[in-house]
Amino acid sequence: MEIKSRLLCLIILLLGSIPKIEAQRTITKEELNDSTYTCRLDGVYVLQDRTRKTILSFKNGKKHGQWVTFDKDLSFWVETFEKGKRQGLFVSSTMYGGVFGYYDNDQKEGYWYEGDDQRGEEGNYHEGQRTGIWKCYNFSEGILWTGSYKRGLKDGVWICHELNHPEHVLAKEIFRMGILESSVTFED
């Protein structure tokens, strides 16, 4: 569960870095979905409904800066925008897990982690596609799959281990560009 503690530390650091801001006014979902309205926005606004409160930031009618959403069940999301595109840190946290990573030009880039109390995945993205070595945890079953992605598709050898005994191999699968070519399960 080292990942969850790293995620919590990142969230605490992030929340401490969000400056105190004051909204110009509260806007409605209808106004937010109306591009003829949003194209005129400049500054910080608040969007609130029965379950969520979001702090929105616009510059010259485009999403710009940090957007922070708080939910009544203590979940929150932080997205960073530049000229209308996601650019920079993305963090979300719920009572059961969270997601963190980085966007570059509206595409996932670099290290990402997504997880909850049942499952977790971590690895790298390049231009919005999974690439390189990934780890896929199944906490409820106590297993870990490790393998690689190429151009967003599983490629090469994927190995299933016990989480508490990584030296104990449970299964092995071989993929070529997303297609399973062979699979072997090992008995004790």
C-alpha atoms as a PDB file:
ATOM      1  CA  MET A   1       0.000   0.000   0.000  1.00  0.00           C
ATOM      2  CA  GLU A   2       3.031   2.275  -0.456  1.00  0.00           C
ATOM      3  CA  ILE A   3       1.321   3.818  -3.498  1.00  0.00           C
ATOM      4  CA  LYS A   4      -1.627   5.038  -1.390  1.00  0.00           C
ATOM      5  CA  SER A   5       0.689   6.753   1.093  1.00  0.00           C
ATOM      6  CA  ARG A   6       2.600   8.449  -1.759  1.00  0.00           C
ATOM      7  CA  LEU A   7      -0.730   9.585  -3.232  1.00  0.00           C
ATOM      8  CA  LEU A   8      -1.832  11.014   0.121  1.00  0.00           C
ATOM      9  CA  CYS A   9       1.448  12.943   0.515  1.00  0.00           C
ATOM     10  CA  LEU A  10       1.094  14.328  -3.011  1.00  0.00           C
ATOM     11  CA  ILE A  11      -2.482  15.415  -2.301  1.00  0.00           C
ATOM     12  CA  ILE A  12      -1.482  17.202   0.908  1.00  0.00           C
ATOM     13  CA  LEU A  13       1.354  19.003  -0.883  1.00  0.00           C
ATOM     14  CA  LEU A  14      -0.938  19.944  -3.749  1.00  0.00           C
ATOM     15  CA  LEU A  15      -3.680  21.308  -1.515  1.00  0.00           C
ATOM     16  CA  GLY A  16      -1.117  23.419   0.302  1.00  0.00           C
ATOM     17  CA  SER A  17      -0.004  24.908  -3.015  1.00  0.00           C
ATOM     18  CA  ILE A  18      -3.449  26.074  -4.115  1.00  0.00           C
ATOM     19  CA  PRO A  19      -3.568  29.801  -3.494  1.00  0.00           C
ATOM     20  CA  LYS A  20      -6.498  31.448  -1.771  1.00  0.00           C
ATOM     21  CA  ILE A  21      -8.727  32.812  -4.486  1.00  0.00           C
ATOM     22  CA  GLU A  22     -11.963  34.678  -4.588  1.00  0.00           C
ATOM     23  CA  ALA A  23     -14.519  34.002  -7.278  1.00  0.00           C
ATOM     24  CA  GLN A  24     -16.023  36.775  -9.335  1.00  0.00           C
ATOM     25  CA  ARG A  25     -19.420  35.078  -9.287  1.00  0.00           C
ATOM     26  CA  THR A  26     -21.239  31.753  -9.339  1.00  0.00           C
ATOM     27  CA  ILE A  27     -22.174  30.318 -12.734  1.00  0.00           C
ATOM     28  CA  THR A  28     -24.659  27.586 -13.630  1.00  0.00           C
ATOM     29  CA  LYS A  29     -24.131  24.316 -15.538  1.00  0.00           C
ATOM     30  CA  GLU A  30     -26.165  25.768 -18.375  1.00  0.00           C
ATOM     31  CA  GLU A  31     -23.849  28.782 -18.593  1.00  0.00           C
ATOM     32  CA  LEU A  32     -20.773  26.533 -18.451  1.00  0.00           C
ATOM     33  CA  ASN A  33     -22.133  24.396 -21.326  1.00  0.00           C
ATOM     34  CA  ASP A  34     -22.968  27.451 -23.442  1.00  0.00           C
ATOM     35  CA  SER A  35     -19.888  28.252 -25.539  1.00  0.00           C
ATOM     36  CA  THR A  36     -21.293  31.644 -26.532  1.00  0.00           C
ATOM     37  CA  TYR A  37     -21.301  32.507 -22.809  1.00  0.00           C
ATOM     38  CA  THR A  38     -17.978  30.915 -21.782  1.00  0.00           C
ATOM     39  CA  CYS A  39     -16.072  32.528 -24.671  1.00  0.00           C
ATOM     40  CA  ARG A  40     -16.474  35.848 -22.789  1.00  0.00           C
ATOM     41  CA  LEU A  41     -15.279  34.603 -19.377  1.00  0.00           C
ATOM     42  CA  ASP A  42     -12.082  35.855 -17.804  1.00  0.00           C
ATOM     43  CA  GLY A  43     -11.176  35.200 -14.179  1.00  0.00           C
ATOM     44  CA  VAL A  44     -12.277  32.836 -11.424  1.00  0.00           C
ATOM     45  CA  TYR A  45     -15.824  31.504 -11.026  1.00  0.00           C
ATOM     46  CA  VAL A  46     -17.670  28.969  -8.887  1.00  0.00           C
ATOM     47  CA  LEU A  47     -19.994  26.246 -10.133  1.00  0.00           C
ATOM     48  CA  GLN A  48     -22.125  24.633  -7.444  1.00  0.00           C
ATOM     49  CA  ASP A  49     -24.857  21.996  -7.464  1.00  0.00           C
ATOM     50  CA  ARG A  50     -26.332  19.689  -4.815  1.00  0.00           C
ATOM     51  CA  THR A  51     -23.230  17.487  -4.477  1.00  0.00           C
ATOM     52  CA  ARG A  52     -20.251  19.433  -5.829  1.00  0.00           C
ATOM     53  CA  LYS A  53     -18.522  22.764  -5.751  1.00  0.00           C
ATOM     54  CA  THR A  54     -15.992  23.615  -8.466  1.00  0.00           C
ATOM     55  CA  ILE A  55     -13.635  26.548  -8.680  1.00  0.00           C
ATOM     56  CA  LEU A  56     -13.162  27.385 -12.359  1.00  0.00           C
ATOM     57  CA  SER A  57     -10.605  29.644 -13.973  1.00  0.00           C
ATOM     58  CA  PHE A  58     -10.796  31.187 -17.448  1.00  0.00           C
ATOM     59  CA  LYS A  59      -8.537  33.420 -19.475  1.00  0.00           C
ATOM     60  CA  ASN A  60      -9.881  35.036 -22.639  1.00  0.00           C
ATOM     61  CA  GLY A  61     -12.786  32.575 -22.723  1.00  0.00           C
ATOM     62  CA  LYS A  62     -10.656  29.421 -22.424  1.00  0.00           C
ATOM     63  CA  LYS A  63     -10.071  27.138 -19.459  1.00  0.00           C
ATOM     64  CA  HIS A  64      -6.871  28.321 -17.834  1.00  0.00           C
ATOM     65  CA  GLY A  65      -5.223  27.592 -14.494  1.00  0.00           C
ATOM     66  CA  GLN A  66      -6.323  25.118 -11.833  1.00  0.00           C
ATOM     67  CA  TRP A  67      -9.866  23.795 -11.689  1.00  0.00           C
ATOM     68  CA  VAL A  68     -10.645  22.346  -8.286  1.00  0.00           C
ATOM     69  CA  THR A  69     -13.767  20.274  -7.565  1.00  0.00           C
ATOM     70  CA  PHE A  70     -14.880  19.202  -4.098  1.00  0.00           C
ATOM     71  CA  ASP A  71     -17.621  16.624  -3.598  1.00  0.00           C
ATOM     72  CA  LYS A  72     -19.752  16.264  -0.470  1.00  0.00           C
ATOM     73  CA  ASP A  73     -18.348  12.735   0.072  1.00  0.00           C
ATOM     74  CA  LEU A  74     -14.843  14.261   0.520  1.00  0.00           C
ATOM     75  CA  SER A  75     -13.702  13.449  -3.030  1.00  0.00           C
ATOM     76  CA  PHE A  76     -11.855  16.088  -4.996  1.00  0.00           C
ATOM     77  CA  TRP A  77     -10.256  16.661  -8.399  1.00  0.00           C
ATOM     78  CA  VAL A  78      -7.590  19.112  -9.473  1.00  0.00           C
ATOM     79  CA  GLU A  79      -6.967  19.734 -13.154  1.00  0.00           C
ATOM     80  CA  THR A  80      -4.642  22.283 -14.669  1.00  0.00           C
ATOM     81  CA  PHE A  81      -5.482  23.973 -17.975  1.00  0.00           C
ATOM     82  CA  GLU A  82      -3.593  26.199 -20.362  1.00  0.00           C
ATOM     83  CA  LYS A  83      -5.390  27.899 -23.253  1.00  0.00           C
ATOM     84  CA  GLY A  84      -8.320  25.475 -23.009  1.00  0.00           C
ATOM     85  CA  LYS A  85      -6.276  22.252 -22.932  1.00  0.00           C
ATOM     86  CA  ARG A  86      -5.310  20.090 -19.975  1.00  0.00           C
ATOM     87  CA  GLN A  87      -1.699  20.922 -19.227  1.00  0.00           C
ATOM     88  CA  GLY A  88       0.050  19.873 -16.058  1.00  0.00           C
ATOM     89  CA  LEU A  89      -0.845  17.967 -12.942  1.00  0.00           C
ATOM     90  CA  PHE A  90      -4.078  15.997 -12.599  1.00  0.00           C
ATOM     91  CA  VAL A  91      -5.058  14.610  -9.190  1.00  0.00           C
ATOM     92  CA  SER A  92      -8.263  13.057  -7.930  1.00  0.00           C
ATOM     93  CA  SER A  93      -8.878  11.455  -4.607  1.00  0.00           C
ATOM     94  CA  THR A  94     -11.801   9.559  -3.130  1.00  0.00           C
ATOM     95  CA  MET A  95     -12.262   7.585   0.053  1.00  0.00           C
ATOM     96  CA  TYR A  96     -11.381   4.431  -1.926  1.00  0.00           C
ATOM     97  CA  GLY A  97      -8.412   5.523  -3.997  1.00  0.00           C
ATOM     98  CA  GLY A  98      -7.310   8.053  -6.495  1.00  0.00           C
ATOM     99  CA  VAL A  99      -5.606   9.034  -9.702  1.00  0.00           C
ATOM    100  CA  PHE A 100      -2.585  11.183 -10.357  1.00  0.00           C
ATOM    101  CA  GLY A 101      -0.592  11.987 -13.425  1.00  0.00           C
ATOM    102  CA  TYR A 102       0.392  14.711 -15.838  1.00  0.00           C
ATOM    103  CA  TYR A 103      -1.105  16.084 -19.039  1.00  0.00           C
ATOM    104  CA  ASP A 104       0.864  17.615 -21.872  1.00  0.00           C
ATOM    105  CA  ASN A 105      -1.134  19.297 -24.623  1.00  0.00           C
ATOM    106  CA  ASP A 106      -4.355  17.549 -23.470  1.00  0.00           C
ATOM    107  CA  GLN A 107      -2.777  14.056 -23.571  1.00  0.00           C
ATOM    108  CA  LYS A 108      -1.586  11.837 -20.729  1.00  0.00           C
ATOM    109  CA  GLU A 109       2.190  11.966 -20.492  1.00  0.00           C
ATOM    110  CA  GLY A 110       4.708  10.398 -18.127  1.00  0.00           C
ATOM    111  CA  TYR A 111       3.954   8.445 -14.953  1.00  0.00           C
ATOM    112  CA  TRP A 112       0.312   7.778 -13.980  1.00  0.00           C
ATOM    113  CA  TYR A 113      -1.314   5.868 -11.144  1.00  0.00           C
ATOM    114  CA  GLU A 114      -4.998   4.903 -10.936  1.00  0.00           C
ATOM    115  CA  GLY A 115      -6.322   2.847  -8.069  1.00  0.00           C
ATOM    116  CA  ASP A 116      -8.967   2.059  -5.516  1.00  0.00           C
ATOM    117  CA  ASP A 117      -9.256  -0.418  -2.649  1.00  0.00           C
ATOM    118  CA  GLN A 118      -9.643  -3.345  -5.117  1.00  0.00           C
ATOM    119  CA  ARG A 119      -7.293  -2.570  -8.020  1.00  0.00           C
ATOM    120  CA  GLY A 120      -4.444  -0.317  -9.083  1.00  0.00           C
ATOM    121  CA  GLU A 121      -2.441   0.357 -12.230  1.00  0.00           C
ATOM    122  CA  GLU A 122       0.765   2.303 -12.698  1.00  0.00           C
ATOM    123  CA  GLY A 123       3.014   3.045 -15.616  1.00  0.00           C
ATOM    124  CA  ASN A 124       3.905   5.602 -18.237  1.00  0.00           C
ATOM    125  CA  TYR A 125       2.087   7.295 -21.072  1.00  0.00           C
ATOM    126  CA  HIS A 126       3.536   8.890 -24.166  1.00  0.00           C
ATOM    127  CA  GLU A 127       1.293  11.109 -26.288  1.00  0.00           C
ATOM    128  CA  GLY A 128      -1.795   9.633 -24.617  1.00  0.00           C
ATOM    129  CA  GLN A 129      -0.862   5.956 -25.107  1.00  0.00           C
ATOM    130  CA  ARG A 130       0.420   3.476 -22.568  1.00  0.00           C
ATOM    131  CA  THR A 131       4.062   2.615 -23.125  1.00  0.00           C
ATOM    132  CA  GLY A 132       6.804   0.642 -21.411  1.00  0.00           C
ATOM    133  CA  ILE A 133       6.505  -1.423 -18.237  1.00  0.00           C
ATOM    134  CA  TRP A 134       3.180  -1.380 -16.348  1.00  0.00           C
ATOM    135  CA  LYS A 135       2.089  -2.916 -13.058  1.00  0.00           C
ATOM    136  CA  CYS A 136      -1.535  -3.961 -12.586  1.00  0.00           C
ATOM    137  CA  TYR A 137      -2.492  -4.796  -8.990  1.00  0.00           C
ATOM    138  CA  ASN A 138      -5.512  -6.801  -7.915  1.00  0.00           C
ATOM    139  CA  PHE A 139      -5.505  -6.230  -4.153  1.00  0.00           C
ATOM    140  CA  SER A 140      -8.611  -8.310  -3.489  1.00  0.00           C
ATOM    141  CA  GLU A 141      -7.025 -11.393  -5.123  1.00  0.00           C
ATOM    142  CA  GLY A 142      -3.499 -10.602  -3.928  1.00  0.00           C
ATOM    143  CA  ILE A 143      -1.940 -10.677  -7.391  1.00  0.00           C
ATOM    144  CA  LEU A 144       0.218  -8.421  -9.547  1.00  0.00           C
ATOM    145  CA  TRP A 145       0.512  -8.510 -13.349  1.00  0.00           C
ATOM    146  CA  THR A 146       3.670  -6.963 -14.801  1.00  0.00           C
ATOM    147  CA  GLY A 147       4.289  -6.438 -18.505  1.00  0.00           C
ATOM    148  CA  SER A 148       4.768  -3.883 -21.202  1.00  0.00           C
ATOM    149  CA  TYR A 149       2.779  -1.770 -23.624  1.00  0.00           C
ATOM    150  CA  LYS A 150       3.802  -0.666 -27.075  1.00  0.00           C
ATOM    151  CA  ARG A 151       1.772   2.051 -28.857  1.00  0.00           C
ATOM    152  CA  GLY A 152      -1.012   1.603 -26.296  1.00  0.00           C
ATOM    153  CA  LEU A 153      -1.283  -2.199 -26.711  1.00  0.00           C
ATOM    154  CA  LYS A 154      -0.012  -5.046 -24.526  1.00  0.00           C
ATOM    155  CA  ASP A 155       3.150  -6.390 -26.121  1.00  0.00           C
ATOM    156  CA  GLY A 156       5.588  -9.031 -24.959  1.00  0.00           C
ATOM    157  CA  VAL A 157       5.585 -11.172 -21.835  1.00  0.00           C
ATOM    158  CA  TRP A 158       3.143 -10.470 -18.991  1.00  0.00           C
ATOM    159  CA  ILE A 159       3.783 -12.259 -15.694  1.00  0.00           C
ATOM    160  CA  CYS A 160       1.371 -12.760 -12.802  1.00  0.00           C
ATOM    161  CA  HIS A 161       2.880 -12.897  -9.283  1.00  0.00           C
ATOM    162  CA  GLU A 162       1.529 -13.127  -5.772  1.00  0.00           C
ATOM    163  CA  LEU A 163       1.639  -9.648  -4.215  1.00  0.00           C
ATOM    164  CA  ASN A 164       3.182 -10.895  -0.969  1.00  0.00           C
ATOM    165  CA  HIS A 165       5.535 -13.381  -2.678  1.00  0.00           C
ATOM    166  CA  PRO A 166       6.723 -11.824  -5.949  1.00  0.00           C
ATOM    167  CA  GLU A 167       9.093 -14.719  -6.570  1.00  0.00           C
ATOM    168  CA  HIS A 168       6.093 -17.064  -6.924  1.00  0.00           C
ATOM    169  CA  VAL A 169       4.914 -16.907 -10.559  1.00  0.00           C
ATOM    170  CA  LEU A 170       1.245 -17.858 -11.059  1.00  0.00           C
ATOM    171  CA  ALA A 171       0.856 -17.347 -14.810  1.00  0.00           C
ATOM    172  CA  LYS A 172       2.575 -16.076 -17.940  1.00  0.00           C
ATOM    173  CA  GLU A 173       1.011 -14.586 -21.071  1.00  0.00           C
ATOM    174  CA  ILE A 174       2.598 -13.463 -24.323  1.00  0.00           C
ATOM    175  CA  PHE A 175       1.049 -10.636 -26.351  1.00  0.00           C
ATOM    176  CA  ARG A 176       1.912  -9.251 -29.781  1.00  0.00           C
ATOM    177  CA  MET A 177       0.440  -5.800 -30.375  1.00  0.00           C
ATOM    178  CA  GLY A 178      -2.567  -6.448 -28.137  1.00  0.00           C
ATOM    179  CA  ILE A 179      -3.280 -10.007 -29.261  1.00  0.00           C
ATOM    180  CA  LEU A 180      -2.808 -12.862 -26.776  1.00  0.00           C
ATOM    181  CA  GLU A 181      -0.542 -15.467 -28.434  1.00  0.00           C
ATOM    182  CA  SER A 182      -0.049 -17.903 -25.541  1.00  0.00           C
ATOM    183  CA  SER A 183      -0.954 -18.335 -21.906  1.00  0.00           C
ATOM    184  CA  VAL A 184       0.462 -20.658 -19.248  1.00  0.00           C
ATOM    185  CA  THR A 185      -0.814 -21.141 -15.683  1.00  0.00           C
ATOM    186  CA  PHE A 186       1.577 -22.651 -13.129  1.00  0.00           C
ATOM    187  CA  GLU A 187       0.401 -25.056 -10.429  1.00  0.00           C
ATOM    188  CA  ASP A 188       2.080 -25.343  -7.004  1.00  0.00           C
END
